[in-house]
Amino acid sequence: MLHLVTRADCDHTARRFLSAAGRRLRGVRLLHYETLLRRRRAPLGHYIFTDYDRLTGADVDAVIALADALAARRPDLRLLNHPRRVLERVPLLCRLEALGRNDFGVVRLDTGARPRRYPVFIRSEDGCGGPETGLIHDEAEFDAALRELDRRGLTLKRRIAVGFCAEPDAQGRYRKYGAMNIGGRIIPQHLHCSTDWNVKWGQTRYQAALAAEEVDYLRDNPHREQLLEIFRIAGIDYGRIDYGFARGRLQTYEINTNPALPRFTSRHGLRAGRHDLIRPAMIEAFQALDDPPVPRGRVRFRWADDGGPSLSALRRSILYRRLRQLYHRWL
């Protein structure tokens, strides 16, 4: 059995994909940190740990205790995204800049540090909310952005200024690539193009030439070796990397350890062909992780701050999830 562990309110990222895969991934099971930490025991099996940006430091200590207990019981278990190795957003971007793999940096606003280079944008350190400002081009605009955050009642704590490092093509379009790593298998997932510097869904689904370019990217997997090395540096075995290019160099923007997996239940016109390339590769990658077979059993674990306030917060999120389920049933 392969256990994919998320927070209870964030398991939708994988639930729909696993449901669509059906019996082909019957060996993959979703588990919640809330349940594991409340019971202080876990089923034996291979594990994928996710959602580090949504856990407190005390929660990560608990996950380390769980991973250590699993490894002590069965050294042959696969423990992907081991909590002792994973670099989260800020440490990862700092490491990549220090190694010369990224041409931009990041600073935490509450330290009083200021960007060394512009342009930058401001965002929350955690989660996937995206930029909270437009591009900031100089010191004066940076000071104005800080004042605007204060006016909006937004704290500087856990907010960061991230360098912007991307280049448009001749038509003024920016490109953002996304590729999954599932146990060492790099699977390209999307290529989004947009005239907006903050590339989200982009124009790929509406233009035949861009849709064809995306299919070529998915089929050729041209950046595989570079991406494997970046995942190795990050200590991340499962997740999606978002990246682009500037001056011909690959620039890593982030790695999401709990990315939304493709739904495959809908078709997006010109992009419909991408599903046939992604789905079989992802299913095969998940199947390969459930090896060697693990007999039934459970392992108990405890941690130094057992029962602290962070655990209470996790328990409260179980209540949130149940209330949300009741609300949707009522709708």
C-alpha atoms as a PDB file:
ATOM      1  CA  MET A   1       0.000   0.000   0.000  1.00  0.00           C
ATOM      2  CA  LEU A   2       1.148   3.535  -0.868  1.00  0.00           C
ATOM      3  CA  HIS A   3      -0.131   6.256   1.466  1.00  0.00           C
ATOM      4  CA  LEU A   4      -0.396   9.857   0.214  1.00  0.00           C
ATOM      5  CA  VAL A   5      -0.606  12.114   3.290  1.00  0.00           C
ATOM      6  CA  THR A   6      -2.210  15.561   3.096  1.00  0.00           C
ATOM      7  CA  ARG A   7      -4.058  17.918   5.368  1.00  0.00           C
ATOM      8  CA  ALA A   8      -7.737  16.975   5.509  1.00  0.00           C
ATOM      9  CA  ASP A   9      -8.897  20.201   3.895  1.00  0.00           C
ATOM     10  CA  CYS A  10      -6.397  19.862   1.024  1.00  0.00           C
ATOM     11  CA  ASP A  11      -6.884  16.282  -0.178  1.00  0.00           C
ATOM     12  CA  HIS A  12      -8.952  17.394  -3.194  1.00  0.00           C
ATOM     13  CA  THR A  13      -5.679  17.860  -5.097  1.00  0.00           C
ATOM     14  CA  ALA A  14      -5.342  14.090  -5.530  1.00  0.00           C
ATOM     15  CA  ARG A  15      -8.763  12.665  -4.677  1.00  0.00           C
ATOM     16  CA  ARG A  16     -10.348  13.312  -8.076  1.00  0.00           C
ATOM     17  CA  PHE A  17      -7.384  11.843  -9.959  1.00  0.00           C
ATOM     18  CA  LEU A  18      -7.318   8.697  -7.814  1.00  0.00           C
ATOM     19  CA  SER A  19     -11.057   8.315  -8.202  1.00  0.00           C
ATOM     20  CA  ALA A  20     -10.795   8.605 -11.998  1.00  0.00           C
ATOM     21  CA  ALA A  21      -7.951   6.063 -12.075  1.00  0.00           C
ATOM     22  CA  GLY A  22     -10.132   3.566 -10.234  1.00  0.00           C
ATOM     23  CA  ARG A  23      -8.794   0.038  -9.844  1.00  0.00           C
ATOM     24  CA  ARG A  24      -5.514   0.878 -11.549  1.00  0.00           C
ATOM     25  CA  LEU A  25      -4.488   2.798  -8.420  1.00  0.00           C
ATOM     26  CA  ARG A  26      -6.350   0.830  -5.783  1.00  0.00           C
ATOM     27  CA  GLY A  27      -3.033   0.441  -3.951  1.00  0.00           C
ATOM     28  CA  VAL A  28      -2.829   4.226  -3.350  1.00  0.00           C
ATOM     29  CA  ARG A  29      -4.637   5.496  -0.270  1.00  0.00           C
ATOM     30  CA  LEU A  30      -5.191   9.046   0.965  1.00  0.00           C
ATOM     31  CA  LEU A  31      -4.393   9.693   4.625  1.00  0.00           C
ATOM     32  CA  HIS A  32      -4.704  12.876   6.691  1.00  0.00           C
ATOM     33  CA  TYR A  33      -2.183  14.310   9.103  1.00  0.00           C
ATOM     34  CA  GLU A  34      -5.023  15.085  11.510  1.00  0.00           C
ATOM     35  CA  THR A  35      -5.980  11.425  11.825  1.00  0.00           C
ATOM     36  CA  LEU A  36      -2.405  10.167  12.113  1.00  0.00           C
ATOM     37  CA  LEU A  37      -1.411  12.718  14.750  1.00  0.00           C
ATOM     38  CA  ARG A  38      -4.577  12.205  16.758  1.00  0.00           C
ATOM     39  CA  ARG A  39      -4.218   8.412  16.864  1.00  0.00           C
ATOM     40  CA  ARG A  40      -0.384   8.406  17.124  1.00  0.00           C
ATOM     41  CA  ARG A  41      -0.236   5.285  15.009  1.00  0.00           C
ATOM     42  CA  ALA A  42      -0.016   4.680  11.299  1.00  0.00           C
ATOM     43  CA  PRO A  43      -0.430   1.738   8.912  1.00  0.00           C
ATOM     44  CA  LEU A  44       2.685   0.170   7.495  1.00  0.00           C
ATOM     45  CA  GLY A  45       3.330   0.972   3.880  1.00  0.00           C
ATOM     46  CA  HIS A  46       5.135   3.324   1.561  1.00  0.00           C
ATOM     47  CA  TYR A  47       4.489   7.033   2.165  1.00  0.00           C
ATOM     48  CA  ILE A  48       4.376  10.334   0.309  1.00  0.00           C
ATOM     49  CA  PHE A  49       4.410  13.310   2.703  1.00  0.00           C
ATOM     50  CA  THR A  50       3.015  16.606   1.398  1.00  0.00           C
ATOM     51  CA  ASP A  51       1.691  20.010   2.511  1.00  0.00           C
ATOM     52  CA  TYR A  52       4.770  21.164   4.438  1.00  0.00           C
ATOM     53  CA  ASP A  53       3.867  24.799   3.769  1.00  0.00           C
ATOM     54  CA  ARG A  54       0.617  24.242   5.673  1.00  0.00           C
ATOM     55  CA  LEU A  55       2.186  22.624   8.763  1.00  0.00           C
ATOM     56  CA  THR A  56       3.723  24.313  11.793  1.00  0.00           C
ATOM     57  CA  GLY A  57       7.180  23.479  13.095  1.00  0.00           C
ATOM     58  CA  ALA A  58       5.670  21.296  15.824  1.00  0.00           C
ATOM     59  CA  ASP A  59       3.638  19.431  13.215  1.00  0.00           C
ATOM     60  CA  VAL A  60       6.784  18.739  11.182  1.00  0.00           C
ATOM     61  CA  ASP A  61       8.427  17.359  14.347  1.00  0.00           C
ATOM     62  CA  ALA A  62       5.519  14.925  14.601  1.00  0.00           C
ATOM     63  CA  VAL A  63       5.909  13.892  10.952  1.00  0.00           C
ATOM     64  CA  ILE A  64       9.631  13.315  11.529  1.00  0.00           C
ATOM     65  CA  ALA A  65       8.746  11.043  14.460  1.00  0.00           C
ATOM     66  CA  LEU A  66       6.348   9.116  12.211  1.00  0.00           C
ATOM     67  CA  ALA A  67       8.921   8.764   9.419  1.00  0.00           C
ATOM     68  CA  ASP A  68      11.586   7.610  11.889  1.00  0.00           C
ATOM     69  CA  ALA A  69       9.217   5.024  13.378  1.00  0.00           C
ATOM     70  CA  LEU A  70       8.346   3.671   9.933  1.00  0.00           C
ATOM     71  CA  ALA A  71      12.009   3.446   8.909  1.00  0.00           C
ATOM     72  CA  ALA A  72      12.943   1.711  12.159  1.00  0.00           C
ATOM     73  CA  ARG A  73      10.206  -0.873  11.659  1.00  0.00           C
ATOM     74  CA  ARG A  74      10.840  -1.479   7.943  1.00  0.00           C
ATOM     75  CA  PRO A  75      14.032   0.042   6.467  1.00  0.00           C
ATOM     76  CA  ASP A  76      12.880  -0.961   2.969  1.00  0.00           C
ATOM     77  CA  LEU A  77       9.869   1.373   2.997  1.00  0.00           C
ATOM     78  CA  ARG A  78       9.759   4.225   0.489  1.00  0.00           C
ATOM     79  CA  LEU A  79       9.357   7.534   2.344  1.00  0.00           C
ATOM     80  CA  LEU A  80       9.012  10.226  -0.300  1.00  0.00           C
ATOM     81  CA  ASN A  81       9.504  13.874   0.715  1.00  0.00           C
ATOM     82  CA  HIS A  82      11.162  12.832   3.955  1.00  0.00           C
ATOM     83  CA  PRO A  83      10.610  15.682   6.455  1.00  0.00           C
ATOM     84  CA  ARG A  84      14.315  15.799   7.366  1.00  0.00           C
ATOM     85  CA  ARG A  85      15.319  16.612   3.777  1.00  0.00           C
ATOM     86  CA  VAL A  86      12.612  18.734   2.155  1.00  0.00           C
ATOM     87  CA  LEU A  87      13.463  22.381   1.473  1.00  0.00           C
ATOM     88  CA  GLU A  88      10.443  24.656   1.543  1.00  0.00           C
ATOM     89  CA  ARG A  89       9.979  27.746  -0.625  1.00  0.00           C
ATOM     90  CA  VAL A  90      12.388  30.252   0.965  1.00  0.00           C
ATOM     91  CA  PRO A  91      15.241  27.838   1.819  1.00  0.00           C
ATOM     92  CA  LEU A  92      14.952  26.295  -1.646  1.00  0.00           C
ATOM     93  CA  LEU A  93      15.115  29.611  -3.511  1.00  0.00           C
ATOM     94  CA  CYS A  94      18.047  30.732  -1.354  1.00  0.00           C
ATOM     95  CA  ARG A  95      19.901  27.469  -2.025  1.00  0.00           C
ATOM     96  CA  LEU A  96      19.324  27.637  -5.767  1.00  0.00           C
ATOM     97  CA  GLU A  97      20.548  31.245  -5.911  1.00  0.00           C
ATOM     98  CA  ALA A  98      23.630  30.370  -3.845  1.00  0.00           C
ATOM     99  CA  LEU A  99      24.410  27.475  -6.202  1.00  0.00           C
ATOM    100  CA  GLY A 100      24.066  29.741  -9.227  1.00  0.00           C
ATOM    101  CA  ARG A 101      21.053  27.850 -10.570  1.00  0.00           C
ATOM    102  CA  ASN A 102      18.632  30.765 -10.116  1.00  0.00           C
ATOM    103  CA  ASP A 103      19.341  34.342 -11.152  1.00  0.00           C
ATOM    104  CA  PHE A 104      17.001  35.857  -8.566  1.00  0.00           C
ATOM    105  CA  GLY A 105      16.677  35.899  -4.791  1.00  0.00           C
ATOM    106  CA  VAL A 106      14.099  36.130  -2.015  1.00  0.00           C
ATOM    107  CA  VAL A 107      13.929  38.029   1.296  1.00  0.00           C
ATOM    108  CA  ARG A 108      11.561  37.815   4.240  1.00  0.00           C
ATOM    109  CA  LEU A 109       9.921  41.181   4.836  1.00  0.00           C
ATOM    110  CA  ASP A 110       9.804  40.930   8.641  1.00  0.00           C
ATOM    111  CA  THR A 111      13.612  40.737   8.803  1.00  0.00           C
ATOM    112  CA  GLY A 112      13.918  44.259   7.422  1.00  0.00           C
ATOM    113  CA  ALA A 113      16.003  42.951   4.513  1.00  0.00           C
ATOM    114  CA  ARG A 114      15.560  44.625   1.148  1.00  0.00           C
ATOM    115  CA  PRO A 115      15.868  43.133  -2.343  1.00  0.00           C
ATOM    116  CA  ARG A 116      19.323  43.386  -3.909  1.00  0.00           C
ATOM    117  CA  ARG A 117      17.863  43.405  -7.428  1.00  0.00           C
ATOM    118  CA  TYR A 118      14.605  44.469  -9.041  1.00  0.00           C
ATOM    119  CA  PRO A 119      11.953  43.793 -10.213  1.00  0.00           C
ATOM    120  CA  VAL A 120      10.328  41.836  -7.365  1.00  0.00           C
ATOM    121  CA  PHE A 121       6.816  41.044  -6.177  1.00  0.00           C
ATOM    122  CA  ILE A 122       5.418  40.358  -2.710  1.00  0.00           C
ATOM    123  CA  ARG A 123       3.540  37.221  -1.742  1.00  0.00           C
ATOM    124  CA  SER A 124       2.779  35.009   1.249  1.00  0.00           C
ATOM    125  CA  GLU A 125       5.571  32.587   2.073  1.00  0.00           C
ATOM    126  CA  ASP A 126       3.106  29.694   2.410  1.00  0.00           C
ATOM    127  CA  GLY A 127       0.299  28.375   0.278  1.00  0.00           C
ATOM    128  CA  CYS A 128      -0.427  28.973  -3.379  1.00  0.00           C
ATOM    129  CA  GLY A 129      -2.174  32.347  -3.286  1.00  0.00           C
ATOM    130  CA  GLY A 130       0.170  33.964  -5.801  1.00  0.00           C
ATOM    131  CA  PRO A 131       1.439  37.557  -5.910  1.00  0.00           C
ATOM    132  CA  GLU A 132      -0.144  40.147  -3.619  1.00  0.00           C
ATOM    133  CA  THR A 133       1.382  43.075  -5.527  1.00  0.00           C
ATOM    134  CA  GLY A 134       2.266  43.970  -9.070  1.00  0.00           C
ATOM    135  CA  LEU A 135       5.877  44.076 -10.172  1.00  0.00           C
ATOM    136  CA  ILE A 136       7.987  46.418  -8.037  1.00  0.00           C
ATOM    137  CA  HIS A 137      10.789  48.053 -10.023  1.00  0.00           C
ATOM    138  CA  ASP A 138      12.798  50.131  -7.523  1.00  0.00           C
ATOM    139  CA  GLU A 139      13.300  51.204  -3.893  1.00  0.00           C
ATOM    140  CA  ALA A 140      10.581  53.852  -4.017  1.00  0.00           C
ATOM    141  CA  GLU A 141       7.988  51.393  -5.312  1.00  0.00           C
ATOM    142  CA  PHE A 142       9.095  48.848  -2.689  1.00  0.00           C
ATOM    143  CA  ASP A 143       8.527  51.359   0.129  1.00  0.00           C
ATOM    144  CA  ALA A 144       5.141  52.250  -1.352  1.00  0.00           C
ATOM    145  CA  ALA A 145       4.196  48.550  -1.490  1.00  0.00           C
ATOM    146  CA  LEU A 146       5.073  48.109   2.194  1.00  0.00           C
ATOM    147  CA  ARG A 147       2.888  51.085   3.087  1.00  0.00           C
ATOM    148  CA  GLU A 148       0.042  49.642   1.034  1.00  0.00           C
ATOM    149  CA  LEU A 149       0.310  46.309   2.861  1.00  0.00           C
ATOM    150  CA  ASP A 150       0.073  48.175   6.161  1.00  0.00           C
ATOM    151  CA  ARG A 151      -2.941  50.141   4.913  1.00  0.00           C
ATOM    152  CA  ARG A 152      -4.680  46.884   4.001  1.00  0.00           C
ATOM    153  CA  GLY A 153      -3.954  45.472   7.465  1.00  0.00           C
ATOM    154  CA  LEU A 154      -1.570  42.801   6.159  1.00  0.00           C
ATOM    155  CA  THR A 155       1.363  41.878   8.367  1.00  0.00           C
ATOM    156  CA  LEU A 156       4.928  41.537   7.091  1.00  0.00           C
ATOM    157  CA  LYS A 157       5.309  38.241   8.950  1.00  0.00           C
ATOM    158  CA  ARG A 158       5.488  35.246   6.641  1.00  0.00           C
ATOM    159  CA  ARG A 159       5.529  37.512   3.602  1.00  0.00           C
ATOM    160  CA  ILE A 160       8.405  37.578   1.160  1.00  0.00           C
ATOM    161  CA  ALA A 161       9.749  39.643  -1.721  1.00  0.00           C
ATOM    162  CA  VAL A 162      10.624  37.357  -4.631  1.00  0.00           C
ATOM    163  CA  GLY A 163      12.706  38.342  -7.622  1.00  0.00           C
ATOM    164  CA  PHE A 164      10.970  38.258 -11.001  1.00  0.00           C
ATOM    165  CA  CYS A 165      13.066  36.468 -13.603  1.00  0.00           C
ATOM    166  CA  ALA A 166      11.348  35.712 -16.907  1.00  0.00           C
ATOM    167  CA  GLU A 167      11.467  36.928 -20.490  1.00  0.00           C
ATOM    168  CA  PRO A 168       8.674  37.356 -23.056  1.00  0.00           C
ATOM    169  CA  ASP A 169       8.938  36.037 -26.591  1.00  0.00           C
ATOM    170  CA  ALA A 170       8.659  38.198 -29.713  1.00  0.00           C
ATOM    171  CA  GLN A 171       4.872  38.297 -29.311  1.00  0.00           C
ATOM    172  CA  GLY A 172       5.152  39.472 -25.698  1.00  0.00           C
ATOM    173  CA  ARG A 173       4.118  36.130 -24.173  1.00  0.00           C
ATOM    174  CA  TYR A 174       5.635  34.677 -21.042  1.00  0.00           C
ATOM    175  CA  ARG A 175       5.941  30.912 -20.595  1.00  0.00           C
ATOM    176  CA  LYS A 176       5.617  28.923 -17.383  1.00  0.00           C
ATOM    177  CA  TYR A 177       6.354  25.211 -17.446  1.00  0.00           C
ATOM    178  CA  GLY A 178       5.080  22.677 -14.933  1.00  0.00           C
ATOM    179  CA  ALA A 179       6.415  19.143 -14.457  1.00  0.00           C
ATOM    180  CA  MET A 180       5.682  16.431 -11.888  1.00  0.00           C
ATOM    181  CA  ASN A 181       8.244  14.336 -10.090  1.00  0.00           C
ATOM    182  CA  ILE A 182       6.753  11.045  -8.912  1.00  0.00           C
ATOM    183  CA  GLY A 183       9.461   8.978  -7.309  1.00  0.00           C
ATOM    184  CA  GLY A 184      12.163  10.092  -9.728  1.00  0.00           C
ATOM    185  CA  ARG A 185      10.012  10.037 -12.860  1.00  0.00           C
ATOM    186  CA  ILE A 186       9.711  13.479 -14.450  1.00  0.00           C
ATOM    187  CA  ILE A 187       6.326  13.905 -16.138  1.00  0.00           C
ATOM    188  CA  PRO A 188       5.687  17.244 -17.885  1.00  0.00           C
ATOM    189  CA  GLN A 189       2.212  18.467 -16.972  1.00  0.00           C
ATOM    190  CA  HIS A 190       1.576  21.825 -18.643  1.00  0.00           C
ATOM    191  CA  LEU A 191       2.967  24.756 -20.573  1.00  0.00           C
ATOM    192  CA  HIS A 192       1.089  27.993 -19.915  1.00  0.00           C
ATOM    193  CA  CYS A 193       1.601  31.106 -22.038  1.00  0.00           C
ATOM    194  CA  SER A 194       0.329  34.599 -21.285  1.00  0.00           C
ATOM    195  CA  THR A 195       1.024  38.237 -22.046  1.00  0.00           C
ATOM    196  CA  ASP A 196       0.600  38.833 -18.297  1.00  0.00           C
ATOM    197  CA  TRP A 197       3.825  38.490 -16.296  1.00  0.00           C
ATOM    198  CA  ASN A 198       1.900  36.476 -13.672  1.00  0.00           C
ATOM    199  CA  VAL A 199       1.225  33.441 -15.827  1.00  0.00           C
ATOM    200  CA  LYS A 200      -1.668  31.321 -14.630  1.00  0.00           C
ATOM    201  CA  TRP A 201      -3.853  29.475 -17.139  1.00  0.00           C
ATOM    202  CA  GLY A 202      -2.763  31.552 -20.080  1.00  0.00           C
ATOM    203  CA  GLN A 203      -3.737  31.322 -23.725  1.00  0.00           C
ATOM    204  CA  THR A 204      -2.633  27.752 -24.518  1.00  0.00           C
ATOM    205  CA  ARG A 205      -6.169  26.393 -24.651  1.00  0.00           C
ATOM    206  CA  TYR A 206      -7.248  28.962 -27.235  1.00  0.00           C
ATOM    207  CA  GLN A 207      -4.435  28.969 -29.810  1.00  0.00           C
ATOM    208  CA  ALA A 208      -3.555  25.943 -31.941  1.00  0.00           C
ATOM    209  CA  ALA A 209       0.151  26.802 -32.234  1.00  0.00           C
ATOM    210  CA  LEU A 210       0.547  27.094 -28.449  1.00  0.00           C
ATOM    211  CA  ALA A 211      -1.426  23.898 -27.861  1.00  0.00           C
ATOM    212  CA  ALA A 212       0.876  22.070 -30.306  1.00  0.00           C
ATOM    213  CA  GLU A 213       3.919  23.504 -28.533  1.00  0.00           C
ATOM    214  CA  GLU A 214       2.561  22.193 -25.234  1.00  0.00           C
ATOM    215  CA  VAL A 215       2.068  18.694 -26.671  1.00  0.00           C
ATOM    216  CA  ASP A 216       5.663  18.723 -27.971  1.00  0.00           C
ATOM    217  CA  TYR A 217       6.847  19.691 -24.480  1.00  0.00           C
ATOM    218  CA  LEU A 218       4.847  16.887 -22.867  1.00  0.00           C
ATOM    219  CA  ARG A 219       6.103  14.332 -25.363  1.00  0.00           C
ATOM    220  CA  ASP A 220       9.775  15.329 -25.516  1.00  0.00           C
ATOM    221  CA  ASN A 221      10.365  16.079 -21.814  1.00  0.00           C
ATOM    222  CA  PRO A 222      13.303  18.315 -22.856  1.00  0.00           C
ATOM    223  CA  HIS A 223      14.413  19.486 -19.392  1.00  0.00           C
ATOM    224  CA  ARG A 224      14.301  16.144 -17.579  1.00  0.00           C
ATOM    225  CA  GLU A 225      17.913  15.968 -16.413  1.00  0.00           C
ATOM    226  CA  GLN A 226      17.990  19.541 -15.109  1.00  0.00           C
ATOM    227  CA  LEU A 227      14.716  19.008 -13.244  1.00  0.00           C
ATOM    228  CA  LEU A 228      15.940  15.801 -11.620  1.00  0.00           C
ATOM    229  CA  GLU A 229      18.950  17.676 -10.249  1.00  0.00           C
ATOM    230  CA  ILE A 230      16.787  20.499  -8.891  1.00  0.00           C
ATOM    231  CA  PHE A 231      14.468  18.022  -7.166  1.00  0.00           C
ATOM    232  CA  ARG A 232      17.539  16.330  -5.682  1.00  0.00           C
ATOM    233  CA  ILE A 233      18.773  19.658  -4.306  1.00  0.00           C
ATOM    234  CA  ALA A 234      15.306  20.328  -2.877  1.00  0.00           C
ATOM    235  CA  GLY A 235      15.078  16.901  -1.212  1.00  0.00           C
ATOM    236  CA  ILE A 236      11.674  16.488  -2.870  1.00  0.00           C
ATOM    237  CA  ASP A 237      10.667  13.156  -4.425  1.00  0.00           C
ATOM    238  CA  TYR A 238       7.039  14.037  -5.141  1.00  0.00           C
ATOM    239  CA  GLY A 239       5.673  17.366  -6.321  1.00  0.00           C
ATOM    240  CA  ARG A 240       5.320  19.771  -9.216  1.00  0.00           C
ATOM    241  CA  ILE A 241       7.995  22.251 -10.184  1.00  0.00           C
ATOM    242  CA  ASP A 242       6.965  25.523 -11.849  1.00  0.00           C
ATOM    243  CA  TYR A 243       9.747  27.107 -13.886  1.00  0.00           C
ATOM    244  CA  GLY A 244      10.621  29.294 -16.817  1.00  0.00           C
ATOM    245  CA  PHE A 245      13.631  30.602 -18.714  1.00  0.00           C
ATOM    246  CA  ALA A 246      15.552  33.894 -18.726  1.00  0.00           C
ATOM    247  CA  ARG A 247      18.660  34.516 -20.826  1.00  0.00           C
ATOM    248  CA  GLY A 248      18.535  30.866 -21.815  1.00  0.00           C
ATOM    249  CA  ARG A 249      18.833  29.631 -18.211  1.00  0.00           C
ATOM    250  CA  LEU A 250      16.231  27.561 -16.371  1.00  0.00           C
ATOM    251  CA  GLN A 251      14.728  29.463 -13.417  1.00  0.00           C
ATOM    252  CA  THR A 252      12.886  27.561 -10.670  1.00  0.00           C
ATOM    253  CA  TYR A 253       9.927  29.487  -9.263  1.00  0.00           C
ATOM    254  CA  GLU A 254       8.565  26.964  -6.753  1.00  0.00           C
ATOM    255  CA  ILE A 255       7.980  23.302  -6.010  1.00  0.00           C
ATOM    256  CA  ASN A 256       4.535  22.387  -4.695  1.00  0.00           C
ATOM    257  CA  THR A 257       4.539  19.168  -2.651  1.00  0.00           C
ATOM    258  CA  ASN A 258       0.753  18.844  -2.867  1.00  0.00           C
ATOM    259  CA  PRO A 259      -0.052  19.895  -6.446  1.00  0.00           C
ATOM    260  CA  ALA A 260      -3.438  19.512  -8.078  1.00  0.00           C
ATOM    261  CA  LEU A 261      -3.323  16.383 -10.217  1.00  0.00           C
ATOM    262  CA  PRO A 262      -5.105  16.454 -13.600  1.00  0.00           C
ATOM    263  CA  ARG A 263      -8.814  15.681 -13.414  1.00  0.00           C
ATOM    264  CA  PHE A 264      -9.202  13.980 -16.831  1.00  0.00           C
ATOM    265  CA  THR A 265     -12.984  14.255 -16.555  1.00  0.00           C
ATOM    266  CA  SER A 266     -13.180  17.297 -18.832  1.00  0.00           C
ATOM    267  CA  ARG A 267     -11.683  18.298 -22.167  1.00  0.00           C
ATOM    268  CA  HIS A 268     -10.271  21.710 -23.002  1.00  0.00           C
ATOM    269  CA  GLY A 269     -10.650  21.905 -26.762  1.00  0.00           C
ATOM    270  CA  LEU A 270      -7.223  22.262 -28.327  1.00  0.00           C
ATOM    271  CA  ARG A 271      -5.522  20.804 -25.226  1.00  0.00           C
ATOM    272  CA  ALA A 272      -7.525  17.563 -25.177  1.00  0.00           C
ATOM    273  CA  GLY A 273      -4.600  15.482 -26.486  1.00  0.00           C
ATOM    274  CA  ARG A 274      -2.432  16.226 -23.467  1.00  0.00           C
ATOM    275  CA  HIS A 275      -4.500  13.893 -21.291  1.00  0.00           C
ATOM    276  CA  ASP A 276      -3.464  10.828 -23.259  1.00  0.00           C
ATOM    277  CA  LEU A 277       0.193  11.680 -22.639  1.00  0.00           C
ATOM    278  CA  ILE A 278      -0.010  12.540 -18.930  1.00  0.00           C
ATOM    279  CA  ARG A 279      -2.486  10.071 -17.462  1.00  0.00           C
ATOM    280  CA  PRO A 280      -0.775   6.757 -18.342  1.00  0.00           C
ATOM    281  CA  ALA A 281       2.643   8.075 -17.254  1.00  0.00           C
ATOM    282  CA  MET A 282       1.322   9.242 -13.881  1.00  0.00           C
ATOM    283  CA  ILE A 283      -0.577   6.033 -13.212  1.00  0.00           C
ATOM    284  CA  GLU A 284       2.503   3.964 -14.056  1.00  0.00           C
ATOM    285  CA  ALA A 285       4.673   6.123 -11.784  1.00  0.00           C
ATOM    286  CA  PHE A 286       2.314   5.673  -8.828  1.00  0.00           C
ATOM    287  CA  GLN A 287       2.111   1.932  -9.427  1.00  0.00           C
ATOM    288  CA  ALA A 288       5.906   1.639  -9.396  1.00  0.00           C
ATOM    289  CA  LEU A 289       6.090   3.212  -5.924  1.00  0.00           C
ATOM    290  CA  ASP A 290       4.020   0.444  -4.333  1.00  0.00           C
ATOM    291  CA  ASP A 291       6.986  -1.922  -4.304  1.00  0.00           C
ATOM    292  CA  PRO A 292       8.108  -4.013  -2.503  1.00  0.00           C
ATOM    293  CA  PRO A 293       4.794  -5.287  -1.101  1.00  0.00           C
ATOM    294  CA  VAL A 294       4.350  -4.514   2.599  1.00  0.00           C
ATOM    295  CA  PRO A 295       2.423  -6.835   4.971  1.00  0.00           C
ATOM    296  CA  ARG A 296      -0.370  -5.417   7.099  1.00  0.00           C
ATOM    297  CA  GLY A 297       0.597  -3.843  10.392  1.00  0.00           C
ATOM    298  CA  ARG A 298       0.767  -0.583  12.289  1.00  0.00           C
ATOM    299  CA  VAL A 299       3.486   1.469  13.880  1.00  0.00           C
ATOM    300  CA  ARG A 300       3.130   3.729  16.911  1.00  0.00           C
ATOM    301  CA  PHE A 301       4.999   7.004  17.275  1.00  0.00           C
ATOM    302  CA  ARG A 302       5.311   9.918  19.659  1.00  0.00           C
ATOM    303  CA  TRP A 303       7.121  13.230  19.534  1.00  0.00           C
ATOM    304  CA  ALA A 304       8.561  15.710  22.019  1.00  0.00           C
ATOM    305  CA  ASP A 305       5.736  18.283  21.772  1.00  0.00           C
ATOM    306  CA  ASP A 306       2.970  15.668  21.729  1.00  0.00           C
ATOM    307  CA  GLY A 307      -0.385  17.305  22.337  1.00  0.00           C
ATOM    308  CA  GLY A 308       0.755  20.922  21.800  1.00  0.00           C
ATOM    309  CA  PRO A 309      -1.399  23.700  20.372  1.00  0.00           C
ATOM    310  CA  SER A 310      -0.497  22.917  16.790  1.00  0.00           C
ATOM    311  CA  LEU A 311      -2.128  19.520  17.142  1.00  0.00           C
ATOM    312  CA  SER A 312      -5.267  21.266  18.396  1.00  0.00           C
ATOM    313  CA  ALA A 313      -5.244  23.374  15.247  1.00  0.00           C
ATOM    314  CA  LEU A 314      -5.065  20.231  13.124  1.00  0.00           C
ATOM    315  CA  ARG A 315      -7.998  18.747  15.033  1.00  0.00           C
ATOM    316  CA  ARG A 316     -10.000  21.891  14.374  1.00  0.00           C
ATOM    317  CA  SER A 317      -9.391  21.532  10.645  1.00  0.00           C
ATOM    318  CA  ILE A 318     -11.102  18.103  10.808  1.00  0.00           C
ATOM    319  CA  LEU A 319     -14.192  19.899  12.085  1.00  0.00           C
ATOM    320  CA  TYR A 320     -13.827  22.409   9.230  1.00  0.00           C
ATOM    321  CA  ARG A 321     -13.738  19.610   6.672  1.00  0.00           C
ATOM    322  CA  ARG A 322     -16.821  17.923   8.111  1.00  0.00           C
ATOM    323  CA  LEU A 323     -18.753  21.192   8.137  1.00  0.00           C
ATOM    324  CA  ARG A 324     -17.719  21.810   4.534  1.00  0.00           C
ATOM    325  CA  GLN A 325     -18.960  18.358   3.528  1.00  0.00           C
ATOM    326  CA  LEU A 326     -22.322  18.993   5.236  1.00  0.00           C
ATOM    327  CA  TYR A 327     -22.588  22.361   3.495  1.00  0.00           C
ATOM    328  CA  HIS A 328     -22.001  20.851   0.051  1.00  0.00           C
ATOM    329  CA  ARG A 329     -24.542  18.118   0.743  1.00  0.00           C
ATOM    330  CA  TRP A 330     -27.047  20.790   1.724  1.00  0.00           C
ATOM    331  CA  LEU A 331     -26.378  22.658  -1.532  1.00  0.00           C
END
